[in-house]
PDB file of all heavy atoms in Angstrom:
ATOM      1  N   ALA A   1       0.888  -1.270  -0.049  1.00  0.00           N
ATOM      2  CA  ALA A   1      -0.050   0.103   0.025  1.00  0.00           C
ATOM      3  C   ALA A   1       0.830   1.297   0.004  1.00  0.00           C
ATOM      4  O   ALA A   1       0.508   2.239  -0.675  1.00  0.00           O
ATOM      5  CB  ALA A   1      -0.997  -0.002   1.237  1.00  0.00           C
ATOM      6  N   CYS A   2       1.919   1.185   0.795  1.00  0.00           N
ATOM      7  CA  CYS A   2       2.756   2.488   0.918  1.00  0.00           C
ATOM      8  C   CYS A   2       3.520   2.615  -0.528  1.00  0.00           C
ATOM      9  O   CYS A   2       3.534   3.788  -0.889  1.00  0.00           O
ATOM     10  CB  CYS A   2       3.851   2.188   1.938  1.00  0.00           C
ATOM     11  SG  CYS A   2       4.575   3.604   2.558  1.00  0.00           S
ATOM     12  N   LEU A   3       3.902   1.597  -1.238  1.00  0.00           N
ATOM     13  CA  LEU A   3       4.497   1.833  -2.467  1.00  0.00           C
ATOM     14  C   LEU A   3       3.556   2.222  -3.400  1.00  0.00           C
ATOM     15  O   LEU A   3       3.849   3.150  -4.324  1.00  0.00           O
ATOM     16  CB  LEU A   3       5.073   0.375  -3.020  1.00  0.00           C
ATOM     17  CG  LEU A   3       6.307  -0.111  -2.258  1.00  0.00           C
ATOM     18  CD1 LEU A   3       6.639  -1.557  -2.481  1.00  0.00           C
ATOM     19  CD2 LEU A   3       7.516   0.776  -2.659  1.00  0.00           C
ATOM     20  N   GLU A   4       2.279   1.785  -3.571  1.00  0.00           N
ATOM     21  CA  GLU A   4       1.286   2.248  -4.444  1.00  0.00           C
ATOM     22  C   GLU A   4       0.975   3.759  -4.106  1.00  0.00           C
ATOM     23  O   GLU A   4       0.798   4.482  -5.036  1.00  0.00           O
ATOM     24  CB  GLU A   4      -0.020   1.422  -4.328  1.00  0.00           C
ATOM     25  CG  GLU A   4      -1.093   1.864  -5.248  1.00  0.00           C
ATOM     26  CD  GLU A   4      -2.362   0.974  -5.124  1.00  0.00           C
ATOM     27  OE1 GLU A   4      -2.420   0.029  -4.251  1.00  0.00           O
ATOM     28  OE2 GLU A   4      -3.319   1.242  -5.930  1.00  0.00           O
ATOM     29  N   GLU A   5       1.004   4.113  -2.961  1.00  0.00           N
ATOM     30  CA  GLU A   5       0.622   5.565  -2.547  1.00  0.00           C
ATOM     31  C   GLU A   5       1.778   6.326  -3.084  1.00  0.00           C
ATOM     32  O   GLU A   5       1.523   7.560  -3.681  1.00  0.00           O
ATOM     33  CB  GLU A   5       0.788   5.685  -0.952  1.00  0.00           C
ATOM     34  CG  GLU A   5       0.545   7.047  -0.458  1.00  0.00           C
ATOM     35  CD  GLU A   5       0.708   7.173   1.042  1.00  0.00           C
ATOM     36  OE1 GLU A   5       1.645   6.486   1.610  1.00  0.00           O
ATOM     37  OE2 GLU A   5      -0.040   7.908   1.644  1.00  0.00           O
ATOM     38  N   LYS A   6       3.103   5.979  -3.151  1.00  0.00           N
ATOM     39  CA  LYS A   6       4.161   6.777  -3.740  1.00  0.00           C
ATOM     40  C   LYS A   6       3.937   6.955  -5.254  1.00  0.00           C
ATOM     41  O   LYS A   6       4.278   8.047  -5.744  1.00  0.00           O
ATOM     42  CB  LYS A   6       5.467   6.130  -3.431  1.00  0.00           C
ATOM     43  CG  LYS A   6       5.798   5.925  -2.068  1.00  0.00           C
ATOM     44  CD  LYS A   6       5.303   7.126  -1.038  1.00  0.00           C
ATOM     45  CE  LYS A   6       5.086   6.669   0.377  1.00  0.00           C
ATOM     46  NZ  LYS A   6       4.275   7.537   1.123  1.00  0.00           N
ATOM     47  N   LEU A   7       3.502   5.944  -5.917  1.00  0.00           N
ATOM     48  CA  LEU A   7       3.166   6.001  -7.318  1.00  0.00           C
ATOM     49  C   LEU A   7       2.157   7.115  -7.669  1.00  0.00           C
ATOM     50  O   LEU A   7       2.286   7.954  -8.493  1.00  0.00           O
ATOM     51  CB  LEU A   7       2.778   4.656  -7.878  1.00  0.00           C
ATOM     52  CG  LEU A   7       3.746   3.650  -7.841  1.00  0.00           C
ATOM     53  CD1 LEU A   7       3.122   2.255  -8.227  1.00  0.00           C
ATOM     54  CD2 LEU A   7       4.942   3.842  -8.806  1.00  0.00           C
ATOM     55  N   LEU A   8       1.151   7.101  -6.862  1.00  0.00           N
ATOM     56  CA  LEU A   8       0.035   8.021  -6.990  1.00  0.00           C
ATOM     57  C   LEU A   8       0.426   9.465  -6.667  1.00  0.00           C
ATOM     58  O   LEU A   8       0.011  10.441  -7.342  1.00  0.00           O
ATOM     59  CB  LEU A   8      -1.197   7.675  -6.217  1.00  0.00           C
ATOM     60  CG  LEU A   8      -1.847   6.331  -6.528  1.00  0.00           C
ATOM     61  CD1 LEU A   8      -2.938   5.941  -5.641  1.00  0.00           C
ATOM     62  CD2 LEU A   8      -2.199   6.248  -8.098  1.00  0.00           C
ATOM     63  N   LEU A   9       1.328   9.598  -5.572  1.00  0.00           N
ATOM     64  CA  LEU A   9       1.831  11.030  -5.400  1.00  0.00           C
ATOM     65  C   LEU A   9       2.669  11.533  -6.412  1.00  0.00           C
ATOM     66  O   LEU A   9       2.663  12.763  -6.688  1.00  0.00           O
ATOM     67  CB  LEU A   9       2.531  10.810  -3.981  1.00  0.00           C
ATOM     68  CG  LEU A   9       1.729  10.652  -2.725  1.00  0.00           C
ATOM     69  CD1 LEU A   9       2.733  10.454  -1.469  1.00  0.00           C
ATOM     70  CD2 LEU A   9       0.695  11.803  -2.465  1.00  0.00           C
ATOM     71  N   THR A  10       3.511  10.587  -7.033  1.00  0.00           N
ATOM     72  CA  THR A  10       4.234  11.104  -8.200  1.00  0.00           C
ATOM     73  C   THR A  10       3.392  11.637  -9.375  1.00  0.00           C
ATOM     74  O   THR A  10       3.717  12.648  -9.861  1.00  0.00           O
ATOM     75  CB  THR A  10       5.168   9.908  -8.660  1.00  0.00           C
ATOM     76  OG1 THR A  10       5.866   9.411  -7.550  1.00  0.00           O
ATOM     77  CG2 THR A  10       6.070  10.430  -9.749  1.00  0.00           C
ATOM     78  N   GLU A  11       2.341  10.958  -9.613  1.00  0.00           N
ATOM     79  CA  GLU A  11       1.440  11.256 -10.612  1.00  0.00           C
ATOM     80  C   GLU A  11       0.752  12.543 -10.291  1.00  0.00           C
ATOM     81  O   GLU A  11       0.650  13.477 -11.093  1.00  0.00           O
ATOM     82  CB  GLU A  11       0.265  10.203 -10.815  1.00  0.00           C
ATOM     83  CG  GLU A  11      -0.626  10.537 -11.973  1.00  0.00           C
ATOM     84  CD  GLU A  11      -1.772   9.436 -12.121  1.00  0.00           C
ATOM     85  OE1 GLU A  11      -1.523   8.246 -11.585  1.00  0.00           O
ATOM     86  OE2 GLU A  11      -2.556   9.567 -12.824  1.00  0.00           O
ATOM     87  N   TYR A  12       0.241  12.733  -9.056  1.00  0.00           N
ATOM     88  CA  TYR A  12      -0.298  14.023  -8.512  1.00  0.00           C
ATOM     89  C   TYR A  12       0.697  15.144  -8.686  1.00  0.00           C
ATOM     90  O   TYR A  12       0.383  16.262  -9.233  1.00  0.00           O
ATOM     91  CB  TYR A  12      -0.803  13.902  -7.217  1.00  0.00           C
ATOM     92  CG  TYR A  12      -1.274  14.916  -6.385  1.00  0.00           C
ATOM     93  CD1 TYR A  12      -2.535  15.551  -6.588  1.00  0.00           C
ATOM     94  CD2 TYR A  12      -0.409  15.728  -5.594  1.00  0.00           C
ATOM     95  CE1 TYR A  12      -2.985  16.756  -5.959  1.00  0.00           C
ATOM     96  CE2 TYR A  12      -0.739  16.861  -4.816  1.00  0.00           C
ATOM     97  CZ  TYR A  12      -2.055  17.313  -5.095  1.00  0.00           C
ATOM     98  OH  TYR A  12      -2.475  18.452  -4.432  1.00  0.00           O
ATOM     99  N   PHE A  13       1.818  14.919  -8.213  1.00  0.00           N
ATOM    100  CA  PHE A  13       2.931  15.986  -8.227  1.00  0.00           C
ATOM    101  C   PHE A  13       3.131  16.530  -9.703  1.00  0.00           C
ATOM    102  O   PHE A  13       3.205  17.679 -10.007  1.00  0.00           O
ATOM    103  CB  PHE A  13       4.291  15.391  -7.590  1.00  0.00           C
ATOM    104  CG  PHE A  13       5.075  16.530  -7.247  1.00  0.00           C
ATOM    105  CD1 PHE A  13       6.301  16.149  -6.467  1.00  0.00           C
ATOM    106  CD2 PHE A  13       4.980  17.863  -7.355  1.00  0.00           C
ATOM    107  CE1 PHE A  13       7.185  17.114  -6.045  1.00  0.00           C
ATOM    108  CE2 PHE A  13       5.880  18.929  -6.920  1.00  0.00           C
ATOM    109  CZ  PHE A  13       6.975  18.395  -6.234  1.00  0.00           C
ATOM    110  N   ARG A  14       3.299  15.600 -10.608  1.00  0.00           N
ATOM    111  CA  ARG A  14       3.577  15.944 -11.981  1.00  0.00           C
ATOM    112  C   ARG A  14       2.377  16.667 -12.574  1.00  0.00           C
ATOM    113  O   ARG A  14       2.646  17.732 -13.302  1.00  0.00           O
ATOM    114  CB  ARG A  14       3.813  14.643 -12.777  1.00  0.00           C
ATOM    115  CG  ARG A  14       5.269  14.071 -12.627  1.00  0.00           C
ATOM    116  CD  ARG A  14       5.327  12.623 -13.228  1.00  0.00           C
ATOM    117  NE  ARG A  14       4.808  12.501 -14.505  1.00  0.00           N
ATOM    118  CZ  ARG A  14       5.599  12.893 -15.675  1.00  0.00           C
ATOM    119  NH1 ARG A  14       6.922  13.143 -15.414  1.00  0.00           N
ATOM    120  NH2 ARG A  14       5.145  12.621 -16.866  1.00  0.00           N
ATOM    121  N   GLN A  15       1.141  16.302 -12.347  1.00  0.00           N
ATOM    122  CA  GLN A  15      -0.002  17.050 -12.823  1.00  0.00           C
ATOM    123  C   GLN A  15      -0.054  18.409 -12.267  1.00  0.00           C
ATOM    124  O   GLN A  15      -0.311  19.416 -13.061  1.00  0.00           O
ATOM    125  CB  GLN A  15      -1.214  16.327 -12.493  1.00  0.00           C
ATOM    126  CG  GLN A  15      -1.516  14.978 -13.070  1.00  0.00           C
ATOM    127  CD  GLN A  15      -2.809  14.312 -12.815  1.00  0.00           C
ATOM    128  OE1 GLN A  15      -3.624  14.909 -12.170  1.00  0.00           O
ATOM    129  NE2 GLN A  15      -2.974  13.121 -13.204  1.00  0.00           N
ATOM    130  N   LYS A  16       0.267  18.648 -11.066  1.00  0.00           N
ATOM    131  CA  LYS A  16       0.310  19.990 -10.360  1.00  0.00           C
ATOM    132  C   LYS A  16       1.332  20.840 -11.014  1.00  0.00           C
ATOM    133  O   LYS A  16       1.247  22.003 -11.223  1.00  0.00           O
ATOM    134  CB  LYS A  16       0.417  19.847  -8.944  1.00  0.00           C
ATOM    135  CG  LYS A  16      -0.815  19.395  -8.246  1.00  0.00           C
ATOM    136  CD  LYS A  16      -1.891  20.397  -8.323  1.00  0.00           C
ATOM    137  CE  LYS A  16      -3.127  19.944  -7.537  1.00  0.00           C
ATOM    138  NZ  LYS A  16      -4.160  21.057  -7.564  1.00  0.00           N
ATOM    139  N   LEU A  17       2.483  20.230 -11.186  1.00  0.00           N
ATOM    140  CA  LEU A  17       3.619  21.031 -11.838  1.00  0.00           C
ATOM    141  C   LEU A  17       3.421  21.517 -13.307  1.00  0.00           C
ATOM    142  O   LEU A  17       3.576  22.699 -13.668  1.00  0.00           O
ATOM    143  CB  LEU A  17       4.959  20.190 -11.923  1.00  0.00           C
ATOM    144  CG  LEU A  17       5.634  19.957 -10.632  1.00  0.00           C
ATOM    145  CD1 LEU A  17       6.672  18.795 -10.723  1.00  0.00           C
ATOM    146  CD2 LEU A  17       6.287  21.159 -10.132  1.00  0.00           C
ATOM    147  N   VAL A  18       2.618  20.668 -14.124  1.00  0.00           N
ATOM    148  CA  VAL A  18       2.272  21.077 -15.433  1.00  0.00           C
ATOM    149  C   VAL A  18       1.249  22.226 -15.259  1.00  0.00           C
ATOM    150  O   VAL A  18       1.354  23.192 -16.054  1.00  0.00           O
ATOM    151  CB  VAL A  18       1.591  19.870 -16.172  1.00  0.00           C
ATOM    152  CG1 VAL A  18       0.902  20.442 -17.363  1.00  0.00           C
ATOM    153  CG2 VAL A  18       2.677  18.861 -16.389  1.00  0.00           C
ATOM    154  N   GLU A  19       0.273  22.167 -14.296  1.00  0.00           N
ATOM    155  CA  GLU A  19      -0.603  23.286 -14.091  1.00  0.00           C
ATOM    156  C   GLU A  19       0.110  24.589 -13.812  1.00  0.00           C
ATOM    157  O   GLU A  19      -0.419  25.752 -14.043  1.00  0.00           O
ATOM    158  CB  GLU A  19      -1.607  22.920 -13.057  1.00  0.00           C
ATOM    159  CG  GLU A  19      -2.581  21.796 -13.341  1.00  0.00           C
ATOM    160  CD  GLU A  19      -3.447  21.429 -12.183  1.00  0.00           C
ATOM    161  OE1 GLU A  19      -3.499  22.009 -11.170  1.00  0.00           O
ATOM    162  OE2 GLU A  19      -4.117  20.360 -12.310  1.00  0.00           O
ATOM    163  N   MET A  20       1.252  24.491 -13.146  1.00  0.00           N
ATOM    164  CA  MET A  20       2.011  25.657 -12.795  1.00  0.00           C
ATOM    165  C   MET A  20       2.940  26.100 -13.841  1.00  0.00           C
ATOM    166  O   MET A  20       3.589  27.111 -13.755  1.00  0.00           O
ATOM    167  CB  MET A  20       2.851  25.383 -11.613  1.00  0.00           C
ATOM    168  CG  MET A  20       2.103  25.109 -10.280  1.00  0.00           C
ATOM    169  SD  MET A  20       3.078  24.337  -8.917  1.00  0.00           S
ATOM    170  CE  MET A  20       4.364  25.562  -8.750  1.00  0.00           C
ATOM    171  N   GLY A  21       2.897  25.441 -15.081  1.00  0.00           N
ATOM    172  CA  GLY A  21       3.709  25.984 -16.267  1.00  0.00           C
ATOM    173  C   GLY A  21       4.999  25.219 -16.355  1.00  0.00           C
ATOM    174  O   GLY A  21       5.814  25.566 -17.187  1.00  0.00           O
ATOM    175  N   PHE A  22       5.239  24.249 -15.530  1.00  0.00           N
ATOM    176  CA  PHE A  22       6.545  23.515 -15.655  1.00  0.00           C
ATOM    177  C   PHE A  22       6.338  22.379 -16.778  1.00  0.00           C
ATOM    178  O   PHE A  22       5.318  21.898 -17.120  1.00  0.00           O
ATOM    179  CB  PHE A  22       6.785  22.797 -14.413  1.00  0.00           C
ATOM    180  CG  PHE A  22       7.447  23.782 -13.405  1.00  0.00           C
ATOM    181  CD1 PHE A  22       6.634  24.507 -12.533  1.00  0.00           C
ATOM    182  CD2 PHE A  22       8.868  23.956 -13.219  1.00  0.00           C
ATOM    183  CE1 PHE A  22       7.281  25.380 -11.541  1.00  0.00           C
ATOM    184  CE2 PHE A  22       9.204  24.791 -12.415  1.00  0.00           C
ATOM    185  CZ  PHE A  22       8.569  25.463 -11.486  1.00  0.00           C
ATOM    186  N   LYS A  23       7.506  21.969 -17.163  1.00  0.00           N
ATOM    187  CA  LYS A  23       7.729  20.863 -18.171  1.00  0.00           C
ATOM    188  C   LYS A  23       8.080  19.672 -17.297  1.00  0.00           C
ATOM    189  O   LYS A  23       8.824  19.919 -16.388  1.00  0.00           O
ATOM    190  CB  LYS A  23       8.655  21.177 -19.312  1.00  0.00           C
ATOM    191  CG  LYS A  23       8.354  22.235 -20.104  1.00  0.00           C
ATOM    192  CD  LYS A  23       7.208  21.889 -21.097  1.00  0.00           C
ATOM    193  CE  LYS A  23       6.899  22.995 -22.144  1.00  0.00           C
ATOM    194  NZ  LYS A  23       5.747  22.694 -22.898  1.00  0.00           N
ATOM    195  N   VAL A  24       7.582  18.544 -17.550  1.00  0.00           N
ATOM    196  CA  VAL A  24       8.010  17.283 -16.860  1.00  0.00           C
ATOM    197  C   VAL A  24       8.568  16.316 -17.900  1.00  0.00           C
ATOM    198  O   VAL A  24       8.243  16.399 -19.089  1.00  0.00           O
ATOM    199  CB  VAL A  24       6.803  16.658 -16.095  1.00  0.00           C
ATOM    200  CG1 VAL A  24       6.407  17.673 -14.982  1.00  0.00           C
ATOM    201  CG2 VAL A  24       5.661  16.394 -16.959  1.00  0.00           C
ATOM    202  N   GLY A  25       9.360  15.459 -17.378  1.00  0.00           N
ATOM    203  CA  GLY A  25       9.909  14.480 -18.230  1.00  0.00           C
ATOM    204  C   GLY A  25       8.880  13.351 -18.631  1.00  0.00           C
ATOM    205  O   GLY A  25       7.727  13.434 -18.300  1.00  0.00           O
ATOM    206  N   PRO A  26       9.306  12.354 -19.330  1.00  0.00           N
ATOM    207  CA  PRO A  26       8.342  11.407 -19.776  1.00  0.00           C
ATOM    208  C   PRO A  26       7.665  10.705 -18.562  1.00  0.00           C
ATOM    209  O   PRO A  26       8.292  10.575 -17.421  1.00  0.00           O
ATOM    210  CB  PRO A  26       9.214  10.267 -20.520  1.00  0.00           C
ATOM    211  CG  PRO A  26      10.333  11.050 -21.028  1.00  0.00           C
ATOM    212  CD  PRO A  26      10.602  12.093 -19.991  1.00  0.00           C
ATOM    213  N   LYS A  27       6.492  10.118 -18.732  1.00  0.00           N
ATOM    214  CA  LYS A  27       5.784   9.506 -17.588  1.00  0.00           C
ATOM    215  C   LYS A  27       6.618   8.390 -17.103  1.00  0.00           C
ATOM    216  O   LYS A  27       6.975   7.511 -17.803  1.00  0.00           O
ATOM    217  CB  LYS A  27       4.486   8.951 -17.974  1.00  0.00           C
ATOM    218  CG  LYS A  27       3.649   8.347 -16.837  1.00  0.00           C
ATOM    219  CD  LYS A  27       2.207   7.989 -17.434  1.00  0.00           C
ATOM    220  CE  LYS A  27       1.371   7.472 -16.259  1.00  0.00           C
ATOM    221  NZ  LYS A  27       2.016   6.464 -15.288  1.00  0.00           N
ATOM    222  N   PRO A  28       7.015   8.370 -15.759  1.00  0.00           N
ATOM    223  CA  PRO A  28       7.892   7.303 -15.237  1.00  0.00           C
ATOM    224  C   PRO A  28       7.222   6.039 -14.993  1.00  0.00           C
ATOM    225  O   PRO A  28       5.906   6.099 -14.786  1.00  0.00           O
ATOM    226  CB  PRO A  28       8.353   8.047 -13.885  1.00  0.00           C
ATOM    227  CG  PRO A  28       7.333   8.916 -13.487  1.00  0.00           C
ATOM    228  CD  PRO A  28       6.712   9.461 -14.766  1.00  0.00           C
ATOM    229  N   ASP A  29       7.883   5.016 -15.031  1.00  0.00           N
ATOM    230  CA  ASP A  29       7.259   3.701 -14.671  1.00  0.00           C
ATOM    231  C   ASP A  29       6.981   3.750 -13.052  1.00  0.00           C
ATOM    232  O   ASP A  29       5.923   3.115 -12.686  1.00  0.00           O
ATOM    233  CB  ASP A  29       8.101   2.544 -14.968  1.00  0.00           C
ATOM    234  CG  ASP A  29       8.201   2.365 -16.481  1.00  0.00           C
ATOM    235  OD1 ASP A  29       7.157   2.647 -17.126  1.00  0.00           O
ATOM    236  OD2 ASP A  29       9.299   2.125 -17.011  1.00  0.00           O
ATOM    237  N   LEU A  30       7.868   4.402 -12.363  1.00  0.00           N
ATOM    238  CA  LEU A  30       7.850   4.346 -10.924  1.00  0.00           C
ATOM    239  C   LEU A  30       7.799   5.685 -10.252  1.00  0.00           C
ATOM    240  O   LEU A  30       6.901   6.509 -10.666  1.00  0.00           O
ATOM    241  CB  LEU A  30       9.025   3.598 -10.437  1.00  0.00           C
ATOM    242  CG  LEU A  30       9.276   2.173 -11.021  1.00  0.00           C
ATOM    243  CD1 LEU A  30      10.595   1.565 -10.629  1.00  0.00           C
ATOM    244  CD2 LEU A  30       8.066   1.213 -10.800  1.00  0.00           C
ATOM    245  N   SER A  31       8.493   6.039  -9.267  1.00  0.00           N
ATOM    246  CA  SER A  31       8.259   7.207  -8.504  1.00  0.00           C
ATOM    247  C   SER A  31       9.335   8.217  -8.482  1.00  0.00           C
ATOM    248  O   SER A  31       9.446   9.051  -7.631  1.00  0.00           O
ATOM    249  CB  SER A  31       7.988   6.818  -6.980  1.00  0.00           C
ATOM    250  OG  SER A  31       9.194   6.188  -6.439  1.00  0.00           O
ATOM    251  N   VAL A  32      10.268   8.074  -9.573  1.00  0.00           N
ATOM    252  CA  VAL A  32      11.248   8.943  -9.798  1.00  0.00           C
ATOM    253  C   VAL A  32      10.929   9.809 -11.117  1.00  0.00           C
ATOM    254  O   VAL A  32      10.627   9.090 -12.131  1.00  0.00           O
ATOM    255  CB  VAL A  32      12.536   8.351 -10.038  1.00  0.00           C
ATOM    256  CG1 VAL A  32      13.571   9.372 -10.558  1.00  0.00           C
ATOM    257  CG2 VAL A  32      13.068   7.892  -8.573  1.00  0.00           C
ATOM    258  N   SER A  33      11.009  11.099 -11.079  1.00  0.00           N
ATOM    259  CA  SER A  33      10.764  11.972 -12.368  1.00  0.00           C
ATOM    260  C   SER A  33      11.623  13.165 -12.149  1.00  0.00           C
ATOM    261  O   SER A  33      12.471  13.257 -11.387  1.00  0.00           O
ATOM    262  CB  SER A  33       9.274  12.103 -12.499  1.00  0.00           C
ATOM    263  OG  SER A  33       9.018  12.791 -13.665  1.00  0.00           O
ATOM    264  N   TYR A  34      11.316  14.080 -13.137  1.00  0.00           N
ATOM    265  CA  TYR A  34      12.152  15.281 -13.097  1.00  0.00           C
ATOM    266  C   TYR A  34      11.194  16.443 -13.757  1.00  0.00           C
ATOM    267  O   TYR A  34      10.192  16.057 -14.446  1.00  0.00           O
ATOM    268  CB  TYR A  34      13.424  15.175 -13.846  1.00  0.00           C
ATOM    269  CG  TYR A  34      13.338  14.780 -15.318  1.00  0.00           C
ATOM    270  CD1 TYR A  34      13.382  15.825 -16.271  1.00  0.00           C
ATOM    271  CD2 TYR A  34      13.549  13.441 -15.648  1.00  0.00           C
ATOM    272  CE1 TYR A  34      13.335  15.409 -17.724  1.00  0.00           C
ATOM    273  CE2 TYR A  34      13.551  13.003 -16.926  1.00  0.00           C
ATOM    274  CZ  TYR A  34      13.389  14.026 -17.998  1.00  0.00           C
ATOM    275  OH  TYR A  34      13.355  13.741 -19.351  1.00  0.00           O
ATOM    276  N   PHE A  35      11.588  17.621 -13.584  1.00  0.00           N
ATOM    277  CA  PHE A  35      10.892  18.820 -14.122  1.00  0.00           C
ATOM    278  C   PHE A  35      11.724  19.973 -14.291  1.00  0.00           C
ATOM    279  O   PHE A  35      12.868  20.026 -13.757  1.00  0.00           O
ATOM    280  CB  PHE A  35       9.623  19.166 -13.187  1.00  0.00           C
ATOM    281  CG  PHE A  35      10.097  19.606 -11.786  1.00  0.00           C
ATOM    282  CD1 PHE A  35      10.062  21.042 -11.586  1.00  0.00           C
ATOM    283  CD2 PHE A  35      10.302  18.759 -10.803  1.00  0.00           C
ATOM    284  CE1 PHE A  35      10.426  21.521 -10.310  1.00  0.00           C
ATOM    285  CE2 PHE A  35      10.510  19.214  -9.464  1.00  0.00           C
ATOM    286  CZ  PHE A  35      10.696  20.618  -9.287  1.00  0.00           C
ATOM    287  N   TRP A  36      11.388  20.914 -15.110  1.00  0.00           N
ATOM    288  CA  TRP A  36      12.038  22.134 -15.320  1.00  0.00           C
ATOM    289  C   TRP A  36      11.112  23.211 -15.734  1.00  0.00           C
ATOM    290  O   TRP A  36      10.026  22.939 -16.231  1.00  0.00           O
ATOM    291  CB  TRP A  36      13.285  21.888 -16.233  1.00  0.00           C
ATOM    292  CG  TRP A  36      12.792  21.822 -17.697  1.00  0.00           C
ATOM    293  CD1 TRP A  36      12.843  22.799 -18.707  1.00  0.00           C
ATOM    294  CD2 TRP A  36      12.314  20.608 -18.423  1.00  0.00           C
ATOM    295  NE1 TRP A  36      12.293  22.296 -19.891  1.00  0.00           N
ATOM    296  CE2 TRP A  36      12.007  20.983 -19.796  1.00  0.00           C
ATOM    297  CE3 TRP A  36      12.086  19.360 -17.997  1.00  0.00           C
ATOM    298  CZ2 TRP A  36      11.443  20.073 -20.666  1.00  0.00           C
ATOM    299  CZ3 TRP A  36      11.523  18.313 -18.875  1.00  0.00           C
ATOM    300  CH2 TRP A  36      11.333  18.772 -20.240  1.00  0.00           C
TER     301      TRP A  36
END
């Protein structure tokens, strides 16, 4: 459950960053990503 939670938090974070005008890397398989 904890691991699944981290996957969903990563997805949430990326969506919010895009709303703020940031670019994000390709959709990750897991819970590491990047933005600029």
